[in-house]
Amino acid sequence: MHRSLRDDRRGVEGFFEEILAFVVVVIAVGAFITSAYSGYLAYERQNALGALNDDCYRFCRAFRSFDPVVEKGVIFQEPLAGRLDSQKLDGLNLSVLRAGLNTPHHLNLTVTDRVTMAGWTLGERPPAGTVPRAVVASPVLISGPDGRRDPGSIEVVMWE
């Protein structure tokens, strides 16, 4: 008797092919979801760091024209062209700085006179391994008590 092709089961595999295909699809979908999530986390970290960098830059710029440290009698043509008075820096404390410049972030501010290597540091030290972290440095003029104006630098470190 002749069998039709419809009844012929010699070329048919078992259900194992479907299981293998299902496992491959599950692994592929899992890999896709994992990579999409890690990409999203990297994007969020980058946005947080960008916002922190912006806040750090704004703080540094505001400090350069902060009245409790700026040399009196100086007329600014540009907000970034400030001169800092070394005697006022001696009397500056963190509470005056926080009240005047109002930043929500933890910070460390260092002003250094590059000629005399005198330094003023306010704030706290960042804990080891703190991320995200922003660092901004800016040049400045520092007026000494003898009327001399030395080049200096401001460095602001911020973290959350």
C-alpha atoms as a PDB file:
ATOM      1  CA  MET A   1       0.000   0.000   0.000  1.00  0.00           C
ATOM      2  CA  HIS A   2       1.140   3.401  -0.907  1.00  0.00           C
ATOM      3  CA  ARG A   3       1.308   6.058   1.756  1.00  0.00           C
ATOM      4  CA  SER A   4       0.632   9.648   0.884  1.00  0.00           C
ATOM      5  CA  LEU A   5       3.090  12.384   1.765  1.00  0.00           C
ATOM      6  CA  ARG A   6       0.648  13.601   4.343  1.00  0.00           C
ATOM      7  CA  ASP A   7       0.933  10.464   6.397  1.00  0.00           C
ATOM      8  CA  ASP A   8       4.680  10.130   6.001  1.00  0.00           C
ATOM      9  CA  ARG A   9       6.376  10.979   9.343  1.00  0.00           C
ATOM     10  CA  ARG A  10       9.936  10.108   8.442  1.00  0.00           C
ATOM     11  CA  GLY A  11      11.039  13.767   7.891  1.00  0.00           C
ATOM     12  CA  VAL A  12       9.352  15.237  10.942  1.00  0.00           C
ATOM     13  CA  GLU A  13      11.485  16.181  13.956  1.00  0.00           C
ATOM     14  CA  GLY A  14      10.342  16.189  17.516  1.00  0.00           C
ATOM     15  CA  PHE A  15       9.373  19.154  19.661  1.00  0.00           C
ATOM     16  CA  PHE A  16      13.056  19.701  20.606  1.00  0.00           C
ATOM     17  CA  GLU A  17      13.512  22.222  17.789  1.00  0.00           C
ATOM     18  CA  GLU A  18      10.837  24.465  19.255  1.00  0.00           C
ATOM     19  CA  ILE A  19      12.460  24.320  22.696  1.00  0.00           C
ATOM     20  CA  LEU A  20      15.833  25.312  21.241  1.00  0.00           C
ATOM     21  CA  ALA A  21      14.266  28.203  19.311  1.00  0.00           C
ATOM     22  CA  PHE A  22      12.436  29.353  22.452  1.00  0.00           C
ATOM     23  CA  VAL A  23      15.666  29.313  24.490  1.00  0.00           C
ATOM     24  CA  VAL A  24      17.478  31.345  21.819  1.00  0.00           C
ATOM     25  CA  VAL A  25      14.657  33.932  21.746  1.00  0.00           C
ATOM     26  CA  VAL A  26      14.629  34.215  25.558  1.00  0.00           C
ATOM     27  CA  ILE A  27      18.407  34.724  25.656  1.00  0.00           C
ATOM     28  CA  ALA A  28      18.269  37.318  22.852  1.00  0.00           C
ATOM     29  CA  VAL A  29      15.455  39.279  24.532  1.00  0.00           C
ATOM     30  CA  GLY A  30      17.262  39.135  27.885  1.00  0.00           C
ATOM     31  CA  ALA A  31      20.483  40.417  26.303  1.00  0.00           C
ATOM     32  CA  PHE A  32      18.574  43.234  24.591  1.00  0.00           C
ATOM     33  CA  ILE A  33      16.829  44.315  27.804  1.00  0.00           C
ATOM     34  CA  THR A  34      20.103  44.196  29.753  1.00  0.00           C
ATOM     35  CA  SER A  35      21.978  46.304  27.204  1.00  0.00           C
ATOM     36  CA  ALA A  36      19.109  48.813  26.928  1.00  0.00           C
ATOM     37  CA  TYR A  37      19.003  49.214  30.714  1.00  0.00           C
ATOM     38  CA  SER A  38      22.769  49.669  31.026  1.00  0.00           C
ATOM     39  CA  GLY A  39      22.634  52.279  28.238  1.00  0.00           C
ATOM     40  CA  TYR A  40      19.880  54.117  30.096  1.00  0.00           C
ATOM     41  CA  LEU A  41      21.907  54.104  33.326  1.00  0.00           C
ATOM     42  CA  ALA A  42      24.950  55.488  31.493  1.00  0.00           C
ATOM     43  CA  TYR A  43      22.759  58.226  29.999  1.00  0.00           C
ATOM     44  CA  GLU A  44      21.393  59.156  33.435  1.00  0.00           C
ATOM     45  CA  ARG A  45      24.899  59.273  34.947  1.00  0.00           C
ATOM     46  CA  GLN A  46      26.052  61.522  32.110  1.00  0.00           C
ATOM     47  CA  ASN A  47      23.090  63.880  32.641  1.00  0.00           C
ATOM     48  CA  ALA A  48      23.767  64.051  36.379  1.00  0.00           C
ATOM     49  CA  LEU A  49      27.447  64.783  35.793  1.00  0.00           C
ATOM     50  CA  GLY A  50      26.593  67.444  33.191  1.00  0.00           C
ATOM     51  CA  ALA A  51      24.236  69.199  35.601  1.00  0.00           C
ATOM     52  CA  LEU A  52      26.853  69.034  38.358  1.00  0.00           C
ATOM     53  CA  ASN A  53      29.490  70.509  36.015  1.00  0.00           C
ATOM     54  CA  ASP A  54      27.122  73.367  35.169  1.00  0.00           C
ATOM     55  CA  ASP A  55      26.461  74.061  38.862  1.00  0.00           C
ATOM     56  CA  CYS A  56      30.190  73.950  39.614  1.00  0.00           C
ATOM     57  CA  TYR A  57      30.962  76.414  36.798  1.00  0.00           C
ATOM     58  CA  ARG A  58      28.182  78.777  37.980  1.00  0.00           C
ATOM     59  CA  PHE A  59      29.465  78.627  41.561  1.00  0.00           C
ATOM     60  CA  CYS A  60      33.029  79.430  40.459  1.00  0.00           C
ATOM     61  CA  ARG A  61      31.801  82.355  38.350  1.00  0.00           C
ATOM     62  CA  ALA A  62      29.661  83.684  41.219  1.00  0.00           C
ATOM     63  CA  PHE A  63      32.602  83.412  43.639  1.00  0.00           C
ATOM     64  CA  ARG A  64      34.749  85.585  41.377  1.00  0.00           C
ATOM     65  CA  SER A  65      32.289  88.453  41.900  1.00  0.00           C
ATOM     66  CA  PHE A  66      31.239  87.580  45.486  1.00  0.00           C
ATOM     67  CA  ASP A  67      31.194  90.848  47.444  1.00  0.00           C
ATOM     68  CA  PRO A  68      32.737  89.514  50.709  1.00  0.00           C
ATOM     69  CA  VAL A  69      35.980  88.567  48.865  1.00  0.00           C
ATOM     70  CA  VAL A  70      36.213  91.097  46.012  1.00  0.00           C
ATOM     71  CA  GLU A  71      38.634  93.995  46.275  1.00  0.00           C
ATOM     72  CA  LYS A  72      36.707  97.224  46.930  1.00  0.00           C
ATOM     73  CA  GLY A  73      36.904 100.092  44.458  1.00  0.00           C
ATOM     74  CA  VAL A  74      37.224  97.833  41.445  1.00  0.00           C
ATOM     75  CA  ILE A  75      34.752  98.387  38.622  1.00  0.00           C
ATOM     76  CA  PHE A  76      34.098  95.199  36.703  1.00  0.00           C
ATOM     77  CA  GLN A  77      33.725  95.300  32.966  1.00  0.00           C
ATOM     78  CA  GLU A  78      32.898  91.629  32.959  1.00  0.00           C
ATOM     79  CA  PRO A  79      31.678  89.354  35.769  1.00  0.00           C
ATOM     80  CA  LEU A  80      34.678  87.056  35.309  1.00  0.00           C
ATOM     81  CA  ALA A  81      37.255  89.857  35.709  1.00  0.00           C
ATOM     82  CA  GLY A  82      37.228  90.023  39.533  1.00  0.00           C
ATOM     83  CA  ARG A  83      40.118  90.692  41.854  1.00  0.00           C
ATOM     84  CA  LEU A  84      40.098  88.968  45.204  1.00  0.00           C
ATOM     85  CA  ASP A  85      41.366  90.641  48.360  1.00  0.00           C
ATOM     86  CA  SER A  86      43.714  88.400  50.366  1.00  0.00           C
ATOM     87  CA  GLN A  87      42.703  90.002  53.678  1.00  0.00           C
ATOM     88  CA  LYS A  88      39.040  89.260  52.982  1.00  0.00           C
ATOM     89  CA  LEU A  89      39.949  85.690  52.053  1.00  0.00           C
ATOM     90  CA  ASP A  90      41.618  85.354  55.473  1.00  0.00           C
ATOM     91  CA  GLY A  91      38.311  86.173  57.193  1.00  0.00           C
ATOM     92  CA  LEU A  92      36.035  84.114  54.946  1.00  0.00           C
ATOM     93  CA  ASN A  93      34.321  81.073  56.401  1.00  0.00           C
ATOM     94  CA  LEU A  94      32.147  78.350  54.943  1.00  0.00           C
ATOM     95  CA  SER A  95      28.883  79.583  56.465  1.00  0.00           C
ATOM     96  CA  VAL A  96      29.269  83.026  54.806  1.00  0.00           C
ATOM     97  CA  LEU A  97      30.129  81.343  51.529  1.00  0.00           C
ATOM     98  CA  ARG A  98      27.141  78.962  51.650  1.00  0.00           C
ATOM     99  CA  ALA A  99      24.723  81.732  52.705  1.00  0.00           C
ATOM    100  CA  GLY A 100      25.899  84.094  49.984  1.00  0.00           C
ATOM    101  CA  LEU A 101      26.198  81.689  47.068  1.00  0.00           C
ATOM    102  CA  ASN A 102      23.532  79.145  48.075  1.00  0.00           C
ATOM    103  CA  THR A 103      24.612  75.836  46.618  1.00  0.00           C
ATOM    104  CA  PRO A 104      22.891  72.515  47.439  1.00  0.00           C
ATOM    105  CA  HIS A 105      26.016  70.467  46.691  1.00  0.00           C
ATOM    106  CA  HIS A 106      28.943  69.507  48.878  1.00  0.00           C
ATOM    107  CA  LEU A 107      32.005  71.466  47.827  1.00  0.00           C
ATOM    108  CA  ASN A 108      35.631  72.253  48.396  1.00  0.00           C
ATOM    109  CA  LEU A 109      36.948  75.667  47.310  1.00  0.00           C
ATOM    110  CA  THR A 110      40.671  76.367  47.088  1.00  0.00           C
ATOM    111  CA  VAL A 111      42.168  79.765  46.208  1.00  0.00           C
ATOM    112  CA  THR A 112      45.929  79.816  45.621  1.00  0.00           C
ATOM    113  CA  ASP A 113      48.257  82.787  45.111  1.00  0.00           C
ATOM    114  CA  ARG A 114      50.699  81.502  42.487  1.00  0.00           C
ATOM    115  CA  VAL A 115      53.514  83.901  43.452  1.00  0.00           C
ATOM    116  CA  THR A 116      53.573  83.563  47.245  1.00  0.00           C
ATOM    117  CA  MET A 117      51.924  80.110  47.145  1.00  0.00           C
ATOM    118  CA  ALA A 118      49.572  81.226  49.920  1.00  0.00           C
ATOM    119  CA  GLY A 119      46.380  79.202  49.926  1.00  0.00           C
ATOM    120  CA  TRP A 120      42.862  79.420  51.289  1.00  0.00           C
ATOM    121  CA  THR A 121      40.674  76.325  51.475  1.00  0.00           C
ATOM    122  CA  LEU A 122      37.017  76.176  52.477  1.00  0.00           C
ATOM    123  CA  GLY A 123      34.613  73.289  52.489  1.00  0.00           C
ATOM    124  CA  GLU A 124      35.015  69.610  52.997  1.00  0.00           C
ATOM    125  CA  ARG A 125      37.134  66.913  51.462  1.00  0.00           C
ATOM    126  CA  PRO A 126      35.331  64.662  49.003  1.00  0.00           C
ATOM    127  CA  PRO A 127      35.025  61.106  50.267  1.00  0.00           C
ATOM    128  CA  ALA A 128      37.133  58.571  48.402  1.00  0.00           C
ATOM    129  CA  GLY A 129      35.344  57.111  45.397  1.00  0.00           C
ATOM    130  CA  THR A 130      32.657  59.814  45.252  1.00  0.00           C
ATOM    131  CA  VAL A 131      30.909  59.888  41.876  1.00  0.00           C
ATOM    132  CA  PRO A 132      29.721  62.005  40.128  1.00  0.00           C
ATOM    133  CA  ARG A 133      32.258  64.691  40.787  1.00  0.00           C
ATOM    134  CA  ALA A 134      32.927  68.022  39.052  1.00  0.00           C
ATOM    135  CA  VAL A 135      36.103  70.107  39.120  1.00  0.00           C
ATOM    136  CA  VAL A 136      36.374  73.642  37.725  1.00  0.00           C
ATOM    137  CA  ALA A 137      39.518  75.785  37.828  1.00  0.00           C
ATOM    138  CA  SER A 138      39.761  79.456  36.938  1.00  0.00           C
ATOM    139  CA  PRO A 139      42.492  82.124  36.967  1.00  0.00           C
ATOM    140  CA  VAL A 140      42.097  85.172  39.213  1.00  0.00           C
ATOM    141  CA  LEU A 141      44.049  88.168  40.505  1.00  0.00           C
ATOM    142  CA  ILE A 142      44.743  88.327  44.236  1.00  0.00           C
ATOM    143  CA  SER A 143      45.433  91.699  45.877  1.00  0.00           C
ATOM    144  CA  GLY A 144      47.920  91.605  48.724  1.00  0.00           C
ATOM    145  CA  PRO A 145      48.021  93.954  51.730  1.00  0.00           C
ATOM    146  CA  ASP A 146      50.983  95.786  50.199  1.00  0.00           C
ATOM    147  CA  GLY A 147      49.001  96.680  47.044  1.00  0.00           C
ATOM    148  CA  ARG A 148      50.655  93.995  44.923  1.00  0.00           C
ATOM    149  CA  ARG A 149      48.421  91.966  42.626  1.00  0.00           C
ATOM    150  CA  ASP A 150      49.493  88.394  42.017  1.00  0.00           C
ATOM    151  CA  PRO A 151      48.117  85.808  39.627  1.00  0.00           C
ATOM    152  CA  GLY A 152      46.174  83.110  41.354  1.00  0.00           C
ATOM    153  CA  SER A 153      43.753  80.297  40.763  1.00  0.00           C
ATOM    154  CA  ILE A 154      40.407  79.127  42.054  1.00  0.00           C
ATOM    155  CA  GLU A 155      39.543  75.439  42.113  1.00  0.00           C
ATOM    156  CA  VAL A 156      36.059  74.235  42.971  1.00  0.00           C
ATOM    157  CA  VAL A 157      35.302  70.553  43.539  1.00  0.00           C
ATOM    158  CA  MET A 158      31.637  69.560  43.867  1.00  0.00           C
ATOM    159  CA  TRP A 159      29.930  66.257  44.522  1.00  0.00           C
ATOM    160  CA  GLU A 160      26.506  65.066  45.550  1.00  0.00           C
END
